[in-house]
Amino acid sequence: MKIRPLADRILVKREEPSETVRGGIIIPDTAKEKPQEAKVVAVGPGKVDDQGNRVPLEVKKGDRILMGKYAGTEVKIDGEEHLIMREDDVLAVID
């Protein structure tokens, strides 16, 4: 399935952290927090400003980002969990 976000929205896939912590303890799924790191899968064309000009997004496909814990809307695409969110919800790009 092909998805193309509109305006200033981006499609991201959360990057799951490793299952064990430093001490070797395995954390159950119910105790895990949602990861705040994600990889950008697709981006929209950008927002239109007051003069009618399109402002391109700062993030691009393939970027790793930091986002808020509860940002975006969860969607299931081809059986995998993704998020659709606005670029404003992105906190930082990881280099």
PDB file of N, CA and C in Angstrom:
ATOM      1  N   MET A   1       0.845  -1.175   0.000  1.00  0.00           N
ATOM      2  CA  MET A   1       0.000   0.000   0.000  1.00  0.00           C
ATOM      3  C   MET A   1       0.891   1.240   0.000  1.00  0.00           C
ATOM      4  N   LYS A   2       0.562   2.204  -0.834  1.00  0.00           N
ATOM      5  CA  LYS A   2       1.321   3.453  -0.890  1.00  0.00           C
ATOM      6  C   LYS A   2       0.564   4.525  -0.127  1.00  0.00           C
ATOM      7  N   ILE A   3       1.282   5.224   0.724  1.00  0.00           N
ATOM      8  CA  ILE A   3       0.695   6.319   1.504  1.00  0.00           C
ATOM      9  C   ILE A   3       1.485   7.582   1.206  1.00  0.00           C
ATOM     10  N   ARG A   4       0.794   8.677   0.935  1.00  0.00           N
ATOM     11  CA  ARG A   4       1.437   9.971   0.710  1.00  0.00           C
ATOM     12  C   ARG A   4       0.792  10.980   1.651  1.00  0.00           C
ATOM     13  N   PRO A   5       1.523  11.421   2.683  1.00  0.00           N
ATOM     14  CA  PRO A   5       0.960  12.403   3.615  1.00  0.00           C
ATOM     15  C   PRO A   5       0.668  13.727   2.910  1.00  0.00           C
ATOM     16  N   LEU A   6      -0.309  14.442   3.425  1.00  0.00           N
ATOM     17  CA  LEU A   6      -0.683  15.734   2.856  1.00  0.00           C
ATOM     18  C   LEU A   6      -0.114  16.871   3.691  1.00  0.00           C
ATOM     19  N   ALA A   7       0.043  18.020   3.047  1.00  0.00           N
ATOM     20  CA  ALA A   7       0.492  19.275   3.680  1.00  0.00           C
ATOM     21  C   ALA A   7       1.771  19.075   4.486  1.00  0.00           C
ATOM     22  N   ASP A   8       1.744  19.436   5.784  1.00  0.00           N
ATOM     23  CA  ASP A   8       2.964  19.366   6.598  1.00  0.00           C
ATOM     24  C   ASP A   8       2.992  18.115   7.465  1.00  0.00           C
ATOM     25  N   ARG A   9       2.342  17.065   7.020  1.00  0.00           N
ATOM     26  CA  ARG A   9       2.325  15.816   7.788  1.00  0.00           C
ATOM     27  C   ARG A   9       3.436  14.884   7.330  1.00  0.00           C
ATOM     28  N   ILE A  10       3.874  14.028   8.262  1.00  0.00           N
ATOM     29  CA  ILE A  10       4.905  13.032   7.949  1.00  0.00           C
ATOM     30  C   ILE A  10       4.436  11.672   8.453  1.00  0.00           C
ATOM     31  N   LEU A  11       4.909  10.620   7.803  1.00  0.00           N
ATOM     32  CA  LEU A  11       4.622   9.249   8.202  1.00  0.00           C
ATOM     33  C   LEU A  11       5.900   8.681   8.786  1.00  0.00           C
ATOM     34  N   VAL A  12       5.824   8.187  10.023  1.00  0.00           N
ATOM     35  CA  VAL A  12       7.010   7.658  10.696  1.00  0.00           C
ATOM     36  C   VAL A  12       6.738   6.269  11.236  1.00  0.00           C
ATOM     37  N   LYS A  13       7.817   5.521  11.440  1.00  0.00           N
ATOM     38  CA  LYS A  13       7.740   4.212  12.065  1.00  0.00           C
ATOM     39  C   LYS A  13       8.615   4.257  13.305  1.00  0.00           C
ATOM     40  N   ARG A  14       8.027   3.908  14.454  1.00  0.00           N
ATOM     41  CA  ARG A  14       8.786   3.919  15.706  1.00  0.00           C
ATOM     42  C   ARG A  14       9.898   2.895  15.668  1.00  0.00           C
ATOM     43  N   GLU A  15      11.037   3.251  16.240  1.00  0.00           N
ATOM     44  CA  GLU A  15      12.145   2.327  16.362  1.00  0.00           C
ATOM     45  C   GLU A  15      12.081   1.716  17.748  1.00  0.00           C
ATOM     46  N   GLU A  16      11.895   0.406  17.790  1.00  0.00           N
ATOM     47  CA  GLU A  16      11.760  -0.297  19.059  1.00  0.00           C
ATOM     48  C   GLU A  16      13.114  -0.423  19.744  1.00  0.00           C
ATOM     49  N   PRO A  17      13.187  -0.075  21.023  1.00  0.00           N
ATOM     50  CA  PRO A  17      14.448  -0.245  21.755  1.00  0.00           C
ATOM     51  C   PRO A  17      14.727  -1.725  21.999  1.00  0.00           C
ATOM     52  N   SER A  18      15.939  -2.037  22.406  1.00  0.00           N
ATOM     53  CA  SER A  18      16.288  -3.440  22.657  1.00  0.00           C
ATOM     54  C   SER A  18      15.469  -3.988  23.820  1.00  0.00           C
ATOM     55  N   GLU A  19      15.268  -5.299  23.824  1.00  0.00           N
ATOM     56  CA  GLU A  19      14.407  -5.956  24.805  1.00  0.00           C
ATOM     57  C   GLU A  19      15.013  -6.044  26.200  1.00  0.00           C
ATOM     58  N   THR A  20      16.343  -6.033  26.299  1.00  0.00           N
ATOM     59  CA  THR A  20      16.964  -6.176  27.614  1.00  0.00           C
ATOM     60  C   THR A  20      17.674  -4.897  28.007  1.00  0.00           C
ATOM     61  N   VAL A  21      17.744  -4.640  29.300  1.00  0.00           N
ATOM     62  CA  VAL A  21      18.459  -3.478  29.818  1.00  0.00           C
ATOM     63  C   VAL A  21      19.866  -3.899  30.205  1.00  0.00           C
ATOM     64  N   ARG A  22      20.654  -2.965  30.693  1.00  0.00           N
ATOM     65  CA  ARG A  22      22.045  -3.221  30.978  1.00  0.00           C
ATOM     66  C   ARG A  22      22.273  -4.378  31.941  1.00  0.00           C
ATOM     67  N   GLY A  23      21.418  -4.550  32.926  1.00  0.00           N
ATOM     68  CA  GLY A  23      21.572  -5.622  33.910  1.00  0.00           C
ATOM     69  C   GLY A  23      21.118  -6.980  33.403  1.00  0.00           C
ATOM     70  N   GLY A  24      20.604  -7.057  32.162  1.00  0.00           N
ATOM     71  CA  GLY A  24      20.166  -8.325  31.604  1.00  0.00           C
ATOM     72  C   GLY A  24      18.708  -8.628  31.879  1.00  0.00           C
ATOM     73  N   ILE A  25      17.979  -7.674  32.472  1.00  0.00           N
ATOM     74  CA  ILE A  25      16.570  -7.877  32.792  1.00  0.00           C
ATOM     75  C   ILE A  25      15.729  -7.644  31.542  1.00  0.00           C
ATOM     76  N   ILE A  26      14.794  -8.538  31.291  1.00  0.00           N
ATOM     77  CA  ILE A  26      13.884  -8.383  30.160  1.00  0.00           C
ATOM     78  C   ILE A  26      12.623  -7.690  30.658  1.00  0.00           C
ATOM     79  N   ILE A  27      12.255  -6.592  29.990  1.00  0.00           N
ATOM     80  CA  ILE A  27      11.088  -5.810  30.398  1.00  0.00           C
ATOM     81  C   ILE A  27       9.867  -6.308  29.629  1.00  0.00           C
ATOM     82  N   PRO A  28       8.758  -6.636  30.324  1.00  0.00           N
ATOM     83  CA  PRO A  28       7.554  -7.095  29.620  1.00  0.00           C
ATOM     84  C   PRO A  28       6.915  -5.959  28.830  1.00  0.00           C
ATOM     85  N   ASP A  29       6.134  -6.323  27.813  1.00  0.00           N
ATOM     86  CA  ASP A  29       5.490  -5.333  26.950  1.00  0.00           C
ATOM     87  C   ASP A  29       4.600  -4.368  27.710  1.00  0.00           C
ATOM     88  N   THR A  30       3.939  -4.830  28.759  1.00  0.00           N
ATOM     89  CA  THR A  30       3.016  -3.976  29.493  1.00  0.00           C
ATOM     90  C   THR A  30       3.726  -2.893  30.281  1.00  0.00           C
ATOM     91  N   ALA A  31       4.999  -3.073  30.604  1.00  0.00           N
ATOM     92  CA  ALA A  31       5.741  -2.092  31.394  1.00  0.00           C
ATOM     93  C   ALA A  31       6.566  -1.141  30.533  1.00  0.00           C
ATOM     94  N   LYS A  32       6.592  -1.359  29.238  1.00  0.00           N
ATOM     95  CA  LYS A  32       7.409  -0.530  28.357  1.00  0.00           C
ATOM     96  C   LYS A  32       6.729   0.798  28.071  1.00  0.00           C
ATOM     97  N   GLU A  33       7.559   1.835  27.909  1.00  0.00           N
ATOM     98  CA  GLU A  33       7.051   3.124  27.457  1.00  0.00           C
ATOM     99  C   GLU A  33       7.134   3.151  25.935  1.00  0.00           C
ATOM    100  N   LYS A  34       6.329   4.011  25.338  1.00  0.00           N
ATOM    101  CA  LYS A  34       6.388   4.146  23.893  1.00  0.00           C
ATOM    102  C   LYS A  34       7.717   4.796  23.527  1.00  0.00           C
ATOM    103  N   PRO A  35       8.399   4.275  22.500  1.00  0.00           N
ATOM    104  CA  PRO A  35       9.671   4.879  22.110  1.00  0.00           C
ATOM    105  C   PRO A  35       9.464   6.278  21.534  1.00  0.00           C
ATOM    106  N   GLN A  36      10.439   7.137  21.776  1.00  0.00           N
ATOM    107  CA  GLN A  36      10.353   8.502  21.281  1.00  0.00           C
ATOM    108  C   GLN A  36      11.196   8.701  20.029  1.00  0.00           C
ATOM    109  N   GLU A  37      11.884   7.658  19.581  1.00  0.00           N
ATOM    110  CA  GLU A  37      12.660   7.728  18.354  1.00  0.00           C
ATOM    111  C   GLU A  37      11.872   7.075  17.237  1.00  0.00           C
ATOM    112  N   ALA A  38      11.996   7.649  16.036  1.00  0.00           N
ATOM    113  CA  ALA A  38      11.295   7.091  14.883  1.00  0.00           C
ATOM    114  C   ALA A  38      12.077   7.395  13.618  1.00  0.00           C
ATOM    115  N   LYS A  39      11.759   6.646  12.573  1.00  0.00           N
ATOM    116  CA  LYS A  39      12.361   6.872  11.263  1.00  0.00           C
ATOM    117  C   LYS A  39      11.280   7.398  10.330  1.00  0.00           C
ATOM    118  N   VAL A  40      11.597   8.450   9.582  1.00  0.00           N
ATOM    119  CA  VAL A  40      10.643   9.064   8.659  1.00  0.00           C
ATOM    120  C   VAL A  40      10.516   8.177   7.429  1.00  0.00           C
ATOM    121  N   VAL A  41       9.285   7.752   7.139  1.00  0.00           N
ATOM    122  CA  VAL A  41       9.007   6.877   6.004  1.00  0.00           C
ATOM    123  C   VAL A  41       8.567   7.680   4.790  1.00  0.00           C
ATOM    124  N   ALA A  42       7.757   8.734   4.998  1.00  0.00           N
ATOM    125  CA  ALA A  42       7.275   9.576   3.904  1.00  0.00           C
ATOM    126  C   ALA A  42       6.962  10.961   4.440  1.00  0.00           C
ATOM    127  N   VAL A  43       7.073  11.966   3.573  1.00  0.00           N
ATOM    128  CA  VAL A  43       6.771  13.346   3.965  1.00  0.00           C
ATOM    129  C   VAL A  43       5.791  13.962   2.972  1.00  0.00           C
ATOM    130  N   GLY A  44       5.013  14.910   3.456  1.00  0.00           N
ATOM    131  CA  GLY A  44       4.097  15.644   2.597  1.00  0.00           C
ATOM    132  C   GLY A  44       4.832  16.744   1.851  1.00  0.00           C
ATOM    133  N   PRO A  45       4.137  17.429   0.951  1.00  0.00           N
ATOM    134  CA  PRO A  45       4.786  18.466   0.137  1.00  0.00           C
ATOM    135  C   PRO A  45       5.104  19.747   0.901  1.00  0.00           C
ATOM    136  N   GLY A  46       4.485  19.980   2.039  1.00  0.00           N
ATOM    137  CA  GLY A  46       4.739  21.191   2.819  1.00  0.00           C
ATOM    138  C   GLY A  46       3.479  22.011   3.005  1.00  0.00           C
ATOM    139  N   LYS A  47       3.579  22.973   3.901  1.00  0.00           N
ATOM    140  CA  LYS A  47       2.450  23.842   4.237  1.00  0.00           C
ATOM    141  C   LYS A  47       2.395  25.024   3.269  1.00  0.00           C
ATOM    142  N   VAL A  48       1.202  25.520   2.990  1.00  0.00           N
ATOM    143  CA  VAL A  48       1.025  26.698   2.144  1.00  0.00           C
ATOM    144  C   VAL A  48       0.911  27.908   3.057  1.00  0.00           C
ATOM    145  N   ASP A  49       1.745  28.949   2.800  1.00  0.00           N
ATOM    146  CA  ASP A  49       1.716  30.149   3.647  1.00  0.00           C
ATOM    147  C   ASP A  49       0.619  31.105   3.194  1.00  0.00           C
ATOM    148  N   ASP A  50       0.552  32.277   3.813  1.00  0.00           N
ATOM    149  CA  ASP A  50      -0.515  33.251   3.532  1.00  0.00           C
ATOM    150  C   ASP A  50      -0.466  33.797   2.110  1.00  0.00           C
ATOM    151  N   GLN A  51       0.709  33.823   1.489  1.00  0.00           N
ATOM    152  CA  GLN A  51       0.843  34.332   0.127  1.00  0.00           C
ATOM    153  C   GLN A  51       0.603  33.245  -0.924  1.00  0.00           C
ATOM    154  N   GLY A  52       0.339  32.017  -0.503  1.00  0.00           N
ATOM    155  CA  GLY A  52       0.084  30.927  -1.435  1.00  0.00           C
ATOM    156  C   GLY A  52       1.323  30.162  -1.848  1.00  0.00           C
ATOM    157  N   ASN A  53       2.455  30.474  -1.219  1.00  0.00           N
ATOM    158  CA  ASN A  53       3.699  29.759  -1.527  1.00  0.00           C
ATOM    159  C   ASN A  53       3.816  28.520  -0.653  1.00  0.00           C
ATOM    160  N   ARG A  54       4.320  27.434  -1.232  1.00  0.00           N
ATOM    161  CA  ARG A  54       4.501  26.207  -0.469  1.00  0.00           C
ATOM    162  C   ARG A  54       5.830  26.266   0.275  1.00  0.00           C
ATOM    163  N   VAL A  55       5.768  26.020   1.604  1.00  0.00           N
ATOM    164  CA  VAL A  55       6.959  26.000   2.451  1.00  0.00           C
ATOM    165  C   VAL A  55       7.354  24.540   2.649  1.00  0.00           C
ATOM    166  N   PRO A  56       8.532  24.134   2.115  1.00  0.00           N
ATOM    167  CA  PRO A  56       8.921  22.726   2.223  1.00  0.00           C
ATOM    168  C   PRO A  56       9.244  22.340   3.668  1.00  0.00           C
ATOM    169  N   LEU A  57       9.153  21.036   3.967  1.00  0.00           N
ATOM    170  CA  LEU A  57       9.429  20.536   5.306  1.00  0.00           C
ATOM    171  C   LEU A  57      10.930  20.452   5.559  1.00  0.00           C
ATOM    172  N   GLU A  58      11.321  20.547   6.829  1.00  0.00           N
ATOM    173  CA  GLU A  58      12.730  20.448   7.194  1.00  0.00           C
ATOM    174  C   GLU A  58      13.184  18.997   7.283  1.00  0.00           C
ATOM    175  N   VAL A  59      12.271  18.078   7.617  1.00  0.00           N
ATOM    176  CA  VAL A  59      12.636  16.666   7.697  1.00  0.00           C
ATOM    177  C   VAL A  59      12.454  16.029   6.326  1.00  0.00           C
ATOM    178  N   LYS A  60      13.199  14.956   6.079  1.00  0.00           N
ATOM    179  CA  LYS A  60      13.089  14.258   4.806  1.00  0.00           C
ATOM    180  C   LYS A  60      13.021  12.755   5.049  1.00  0.00           C
ATOM    181  N   LYS A  61      12.660  12.032   4.045  1.00  0.00           N
ATOM    182  CA  LYS A  61      12.546  10.580   4.146  1.00  0.00           C
ATOM    183  C   LYS A  61      13.895   9.995   4.561  1.00  0.00           C
ATOM    184  N   GLY A  62      13.859   9.080   5.534  1.00  0.00           N
ATOM    185  CA  GLY A  62      15.073   8.438   6.013  1.00  0.00           C
ATOM    186  C   GLY A  62      15.663   9.072   7.261  1.00  0.00           C
ATOM    187  N   ASP A  63      15.225  10.279   7.638  1.00  0.00           N
ATOM    188  CA  ASP A  63      15.723  10.930   8.855  1.00  0.00           C
ATOM    189  C   ASP A  63      15.282  10.161  10.090  1.00  0.00           C
ATOM    190  N   ARG A  64      16.118  10.157  11.127  1.00  0.00           N
ATOM    191  CA  ARG A  64      15.730   9.639  12.446  1.00  0.00           C
ATOM    192  C   ARG A  64      15.376  10.839  13.290  1.00  0.00           C
ATOM    193  N   ILE A  65      14.226  10.782  13.955  1.00  0.00           N
ATOM    194  CA  ILE A  65      13.730  11.936  14.699  1.00  0.00           C
ATOM    195  C   ILE A  65      13.411  11.570  16.148  1.00  0.00           C
ATOM    196  N   LEU A  66      13.307  12.608  16.971  1.00  0.00           N
ATOM    197  CA  LEU A  66      12.770  12.493  18.320  1.00  0.00           C
ATOM    198  C   LEU A  66      11.416  13.172  18.311  1.00  0.00           C
ATOM    199  N   MET A  67      10.440  12.539  18.966  1.00  0.00           N
ATOM    200  CA  MET A  67       9.080  13.093  18.987  1.00  0.00           C
ATOM    201  C   MET A  67       8.509  12.959  20.381  1.00  0.00           C
ATOM    202  N   GLY A  68       7.401  13.624  20.628  1.00  0.00           N
ATOM    203  CA  GLY A  68       6.710  13.503  21.899  1.00  0.00           C
ATOM    204  C   GLY A  68       6.126  12.110  22.066  1.00  0.00           C
ATOM    205  N   LYS A  69       5.947  11.685  23.318  1.00  0.00           N
ATOM    206  CA  LYS A  69       5.442  10.330  23.587  1.00  0.00           C
ATOM    207  C   LYS A  69       4.066  10.077  22.993  1.00  0.00           C
ATOM    208  N   TYR A  70       3.211  11.073  23.022  1.00  0.00           N
ATOM    209  CA  TYR A  70       1.833  10.874  22.583  1.00  0.00           C
ATOM    210  C   TYR A  70       1.519  11.646  21.304  1.00  0.00           C
ATOM    211  N   ALA A  71       2.531  11.937  20.500  1.00  0.00           N
ATOM    212  CA  ALA A  71       2.343  12.700  19.269  1.00  0.00           C
ATOM    213  C   ALA A  71       1.791  11.793  18.168  1.00  0.00           C
ATOM    214  N   GLY A  72       1.034  12.377  17.273  1.00  0.00           N
ATOM    215  CA  GLY A  72       0.584  11.681  16.083  1.00  0.00           C
ATOM    216  C   GLY A  72      -0.619  10.781  16.263  1.00  0.00           C
ATOM    217  N   THR A  73      -1.035  10.212  15.159  1.00  0.00           N
ATOM    218  CA  THR A  73      -2.159   9.293  15.100  1.00  0.00           C
ATOM    219  C   THR A  73      -1.650   7.949  14.612  1.00  0.00           C
ATOM    220  N   GLU A  74      -1.937   6.894  15.362  1.00  0.00           N
ATOM    221  CA  GLU A  74      -1.461   5.561  14.995  1.00  0.00           C
ATOM    222  C   GLU A  74      -2.298   5.006  13.850  1.00  0.00           C
ATOM    223  N   VAL A  75      -1.606   4.444  12.847  1.00  0.00           N
ATOM    224  CA  VAL A  75      -2.258   3.782  11.718  1.00  0.00           C
ATOM    225  C   VAL A  75      -1.535   2.469  11.460  1.00  0.00           C
ATOM    226  N   LYS A  76      -2.245   1.500  10.917  1.00  0.00           N
ATOM    227  CA  LYS A  76      -1.647   0.207  10.581  1.00  0.00           C
ATOM    228  C   LYS A  76      -1.579   0.112   9.066  1.00  0.00           C
ATOM    229  N   ILE A  77      -0.347  -0.052   8.545  1.00  0.00           N
ATOM    230  CA  ILE A  77      -0.120  -0.137   7.103  1.00  0.00           C
ATOM    231  C   ILE A  77       0.584  -1.451   6.820  1.00  0.00           C
ATOM    232  N   ASP A  78      -0.028  -2.287   6.013  1.00  0.00           N
ATOM    233  CA  ASP A  78       0.521  -3.612   5.676  1.00  0.00           C
ATOM    234  C   ASP A  78       0.881  -4.400   6.928  1.00  0.00           C
ATOM    235  N   GLY A  79       0.066  -4.295   7.965  1.00  0.00           N
ATOM    236  CA  GLY A  79       0.271  -5.046   9.190  1.00  0.00           C
ATOM    237  C   GLY A  79       1.295  -4.456  10.144  1.00  0.00           C
ATOM    238  N   GLU A  80       1.876  -3.303   9.832  1.00  0.00           N
ATOM    239  CA  GLU A  80       2.871  -2.667  10.694  1.00  0.00           C
ATOM    240  C   GLU A  80       2.329  -1.354  11.234  1.00  0.00           C
ATOM    241  N   GLU A  81       2.671  -1.064  12.504  1.00  0.00           N
ATOM    242  CA  GLU A  81       2.234   0.170  13.150  1.00  0.00           C
ATOM    243  C   GLU A  81       3.076   1.352  12.677  1.00  0.00           C
ATOM    244  N   HIS A  82       2.415   2.426  12.273  1.00  0.00           N
ATOM    245  CA  HIS A  82       3.053   3.677  11.879  1.00  0.00           C
ATOM    246  C   HIS A  82       2.336   4.831  12.574  1.00  0.00           C
ATOM    247  N   LEU A  83       2.910   6.011  12.491  1.00  0.00           N
ATOM    248  CA  LEU A  83       2.281   7.226  13.004  1.00  0.00           C
ATOM    249  C   LEU A  83       2.231   8.263  11.897  1.00  0.00           C
ATOM    250  N   ILE A  84       1.120   8.984  11.814  1.00  0.00           N
ATOM    251  CA  ILE A  84       1.029  10.158  10.962  1.00  0.00           C
ATOM    252  C   ILE A  84       0.981  11.349  11.908  1.00  0.00           C
ATOM    253  N   MET A  85       1.900  12.290  11.702  1.00  0.00           N
ATOM    254  CA  MET A  85       1.992  13.434  12.607  1.00  0.00           C
ATOM    255  C   MET A  85       2.380  14.684  11.838  1.00  0.00           C
ATOM    256  N   ARG A  86       2.157  15.827  12.454  1.00  0.00           N
ATOM    257  CA  ARG A  86       2.573  17.088  11.864  1.00  0.00           C
ATOM    258  C   ARG A  86       4.056  17.309  12.128  1.00  0.00           C
ATOM    259  N   GLU A  87       4.685  18.067  11.263  1.00  0.00           N
ATOM    260  CA  GLU A  87       6.099  18.364  11.453  1.00  0.00           C
ATOM    261  C   GLU A  87       6.326  19.136  12.757  1.00  0.00           C
ATOM    262  N   ASP A  88       5.341  19.886  13.210  1.00  0.00           N
ATOM    263  CA  ASP A  88       5.447  20.645  14.466  1.00  0.00           C
ATOM    264  C   ASP A  88       5.652  19.719  15.672  1.00  0.00           C
ATOM    265  N   ASP A  89       5.226  18.448  15.584  1.00  0.00           N
ATOM    266  CA  ASP A  89       5.371  17.511  16.685  1.00  0.00           C
ATOM    267  C   ASP A  89       6.768  16.900  16.784  1.00  0.00           C
ATOM    268  N   VAL A  90       7.612  17.165  15.772  1.00  0.00           N
ATOM    269  CA  VAL A  90       8.990  16.660  15.783  1.00  0.00           C
ATOM    270  C   VAL A  90       9.819  17.557  16.695  1.00  0.00           C
ATOM    271  N   LEU A  91      10.508  16.939  17.657  1.00  0.00           N
ATOM    272  CA  LEU A  91      11.324  17.699  18.602  1.00  0.00           C
ATOM    273  C   LEU A  91      12.726  17.940  18.067  1.00  0.00           C
ATOM    274  N   ALA A  92      13.318  16.948  17.378  1.00  0.00           N
ATOM    275  CA  ALA A  92      14.681  17.081  16.872  1.00  0.00           C
ATOM    276  C   ALA A  92      14.943  16.018  15.812  1.00  0.00           C
ATOM    277  N   VAL A  93      15.955  16.283  14.988  1.00  0.00           N
ATOM    278  CA  VAL A  93      16.450  15.309  14.020  1.00  0.00           C
ATOM    279  C   VAL A  93      17.769  14.778  14.560  1.00  0.00           C
ATOM    280  N   ILE A  94      17.921  13.447  14.572  1.00  0.00           N
ATOM    281  CA  ILE A  94      19.137  12.814  15.066  1.00  0.00           C
ATOM    282  C   ILE A  94      20.106  12.645  13.913  1.00  0.00           C
ATOM    283  N   ASP A  95      21.319  13.182  14.063  1.00  0.00           N
ATOM    284  CA  ASP A  95      22.353  13.065  13.017  1.00  0.00           C
ATOM    285  C   ASP A  95      23.133  11.789  13.178  1.00  0.00           C
TER     286      ASP A  95
END
